[in-house]
Every structure is written in structure tokens, then in C-alpha cells.
Amino acid sequence: MSDSWKPVSYVQLISLLTHSESQLEEITLLTWHAIRLPAAELWQQHPWGNEGCGFWVVAVAGRHCLYYNDITEGFAIGHFDRWGHISNYQKSDSSLNTALNKLLQPAAIEATA
């Protein structure tokens, strides 16, 4: 991480999500509404999430979570065994739309486990 890197704030995340939601196709938007969390939650991920106190998880589907990776500035799919802790790190600069579409593909989900 560069010396100028700062973790994304909740307000910045909400602004990004609002913009990203406006670009979703109707069917993807329906899925998003079904799996998104009522409020984004800061979850731990060691060691990559340590410096920023974790990553903002925005949706959950089964044992997978969709989180914003503010290091790479994109949405990523993670696996979790317990609520509040992302088991694996995914380096991703995907848009919300791309990440949601990956989450809906079983082969993509198996690759994150």
C-alpha cells in the first residue's frame, strides 16, 4: 500500500454504492436487493485488512460475502466461516455489477472457497 492510501469511509462507501446501484440492470438489481445487508459492516480479514480495520461487507449469499476492497478499489467475493470474518482475500477491482454476476456463477463461487 502506498503512503497516501486511506481506508474508504462509510460515507464514501454509501456514495459509491448509490452510484453503482444506479447502473445495475433490473434482474441484477433484484438479486442485489435480496442479498444486500441493511447496512454495510466492517469485517476482519487478516492480514490484508489489518491496516484499514477490515473491509466493508455489503452483501451475503450463503457462506459468501461481497465486500469492497478499498486497497484495489473494487468489489470482491469472499468466503466466511463465521460472521464478521472474511476467510480469504480477493484482489479485485470489479464493479458492483461484475462482482454480483460472478457471485451468481457457481464456478466463480467455488474458486473463492
Protein backbone atom coordinates (compact mmCIF):
# COMPACT_ATOMS: atom_id res chain seq x y z
CA MET A 1 0.00 0.00 0.00
CA SER A 2 1.20 3.48 -0.73
CA ASP A 3 1.80 6.06 1.96
CA SER A 4 -1.18 8.05 0.63
CA TRP A 5 -3.65 5.14 0.96
CA LYS A 6 -6.51 5.68 3.38
CA PRO A 7 -9.36 3.25 4.06
CA VAL A 8 -12.68 4.17 2.48
CA SER A 9 -15.11 5.75 4.93
CA TYR A 10 -18.68 4.60 5.41
CA VAL A 11 -19.96 7.82 3.78
CA GLN A 12 -17.68 7.30 0.76
CA LEU A 13 -18.83 3.67 0.51
CA ILE A 14 -22.51 4.63 0.55
CA SER A 15 -21.89 7.19 -2.18
CA LEU A 16 -20.10 4.56 -4.27
CA LEU A 17 -22.91 2.03 -3.70
CA THR A 18 -25.59 4.55 -4.64
CA HIS A 19 -23.81 5.29 -7.91
CA SER A 20 -23.14 1.58 -8.56
CA GLU A 21 -26.77 0.60 -7.89
CA SER A 22 -27.98 3.13 -10.46
CA GLN A 23 -26.00 1.24 -13.12
CA LEU A 24 -27.37 -2.24 -12.38
CA GLU A 25 -29.69 -3.99 -14.80
CA GLU A 26 -33.15 -4.77 -13.42
CA ILE A 27 -32.56 -8.51 -12.86
CA THR A 28 -29.22 -7.84 -11.15
CA LEU A 29 -30.84 -5.12 -9.04
CA LEU A 30 -33.46 -7.63 -7.82
CA THR A 31 -30.70 -10.01 -6.76
CA TRP A 32 -28.83 -7.16 -5.10
CA HIS A 33 -31.90 -6.22 -3.05
CA ALA A 34 -32.30 -9.85 -1.98
CA ILE A 35 -28.75 -10.32 -0.66
CA ARG A 36 -27.53 -6.89 0.43
CA LEU A 37 -27.13 -6.14 4.09
CA PRO A 38 -29.35 -3.42 5.59
CA ALA A 39 -26.13 -1.55 6.43
CA ALA A 40 -22.57 -2.28 5.35
CA GLU A 41 -20.50 -3.96 8.07
CA LEU A 42 -16.77 -3.73 8.65
CA TRP A 43 -15.46 -7.31 8.71
CA GLN A 44 -11.98 -8.51 9.61
CA GLN A 45 -9.63 -10.12 7.11
CA HIS A 46 -6.08 -11.00 8.17
CA PRO A 47 -3.55 -9.88 7.16
CA TRP A 48 -4.71 -7.71 4.23
CA GLY A 49 -7.50 -5.94 6.08
CA ASN A 50 -5.48 -5.16 9.19
CA GLU A 51 -4.28 -1.67 8.27
CA GLY A 52 -7.76 -0.41 7.40
CA CYS A 53 -9.51 -2.29 10.25
CA GLY A 54 -11.10 -4.70 7.76
CA PHE A 55 -13.24 -4.47 4.64
CA TRP A 56 -16.81 -3.26 4.21
CA VAL A 57 -19.10 -6.23 3.55
CA VAL A 58 -22.21 -5.14 1.64
CA ALA A 59 -23.99 -8.42 0.84
CA VAL A 60 -24.12 -12.07 1.92
CA ALA A 61 -25.20 -15.14 -0.05
CA GLY A 62 -24.81 -18.45 1.74
CA ARG A 63 -21.23 -18.59 3.08
CA HIS A 64 -20.01 -15.96 0.64
CA CYS A 65 -19.83 -12.24 1.14
CA LEU A 66 -19.49 -9.36 -1.24
CA TYR A 67 -17.11 -6.74 0.06
CA TYR A 68 -15.48 -3.54 -1.08
CA ASN A 69 -11.72 -3.93 -1.33
CA ASP A 70 -10.52 -0.38 -0.82
CA ILE A 71 -6.92 -1.42 -1.46
CA THR A 72 -7.70 -2.33 -5.08
CA GLU A 73 -10.82 -0.12 -5.26
CA GLY A 74 -13.23 -2.81 -6.36
CA PHE A 75 -15.81 -5.29 -5.15
CA ALA A 76 -14.70 -8.81 -4.32
CA ILE A 77 -16.26 -12.12 -3.29
CA GLY A 78 -15.03 -13.69 -0.08
CA HIS A 79 -15.83 -16.82 1.88
CA PHE A 80 -16.61 -16.81 5.58
CA ASP A 81 -16.89 -19.48 8.25
CA ARG A 82 -18.07 -17.10 10.95
CA TRP A 83 -19.94 -13.85 10.73
CA GLY A 84 -17.63 -10.84 10.74
CA HIS A 85 -14.50 -12.55 9.42
CA ILE A 86 -13.58 -12.94 5.73
CA SER A 87 -11.56 -16.15 5.35
CA ASN A 88 -9.84 -15.33 2.09
CA TYR A 89 -8.53 -12.22 0.37
CA GLN A 90 -9.53 -11.45 -3.20
CA LYS A 91 -7.59 -8.81 -5.09
CA SER A 92 -10.29 -7.28 -7.26
CA ASP A 93 -11.09 -4.03 -8.98
CA SER A 94 -14.52 -5.25 -10.17
CA SER A 95 -17.58 -3.08 -10.37
CA LEU A 96 -20.58 -3.99 -8.22
CA ASN A 97 -22.32 -5.33 -11.34
CA THR A 98 -19.37 -7.56 -12.29
CA ALA A 99 -18.96 -8.88 -8.74
CA LEU A 100 -22.68 -9.66 -8.45
CA ASN A 101 -22.61 -11.53 -11.75
CA LYS A 102 -19.59 -13.56 -10.56
CA LEU A 103 -21.39 -14.33 -7.31
CA LEU A 104 -24.29 -15.79 -9.30
CA GLN A 105 -21.99 -18.18 -11.20
CA PRO A 106 -21.40 -21.41 -9.22
CA ALA A 107 -17.92 -21.95 -10.70
CA ALA A 108 -16.83 -18.49 -9.57
CA ILE A 109 -18.07 -19.13 -6.05
CA GLU A 110 -16.21 -22.44 -5.82
CA ALA A 111 -12.97 -20.66 -6.75
CA THR A 112 -13.26 -18.37 -3.70
CA ALA A 113 -13.79 -21.15 -1.15
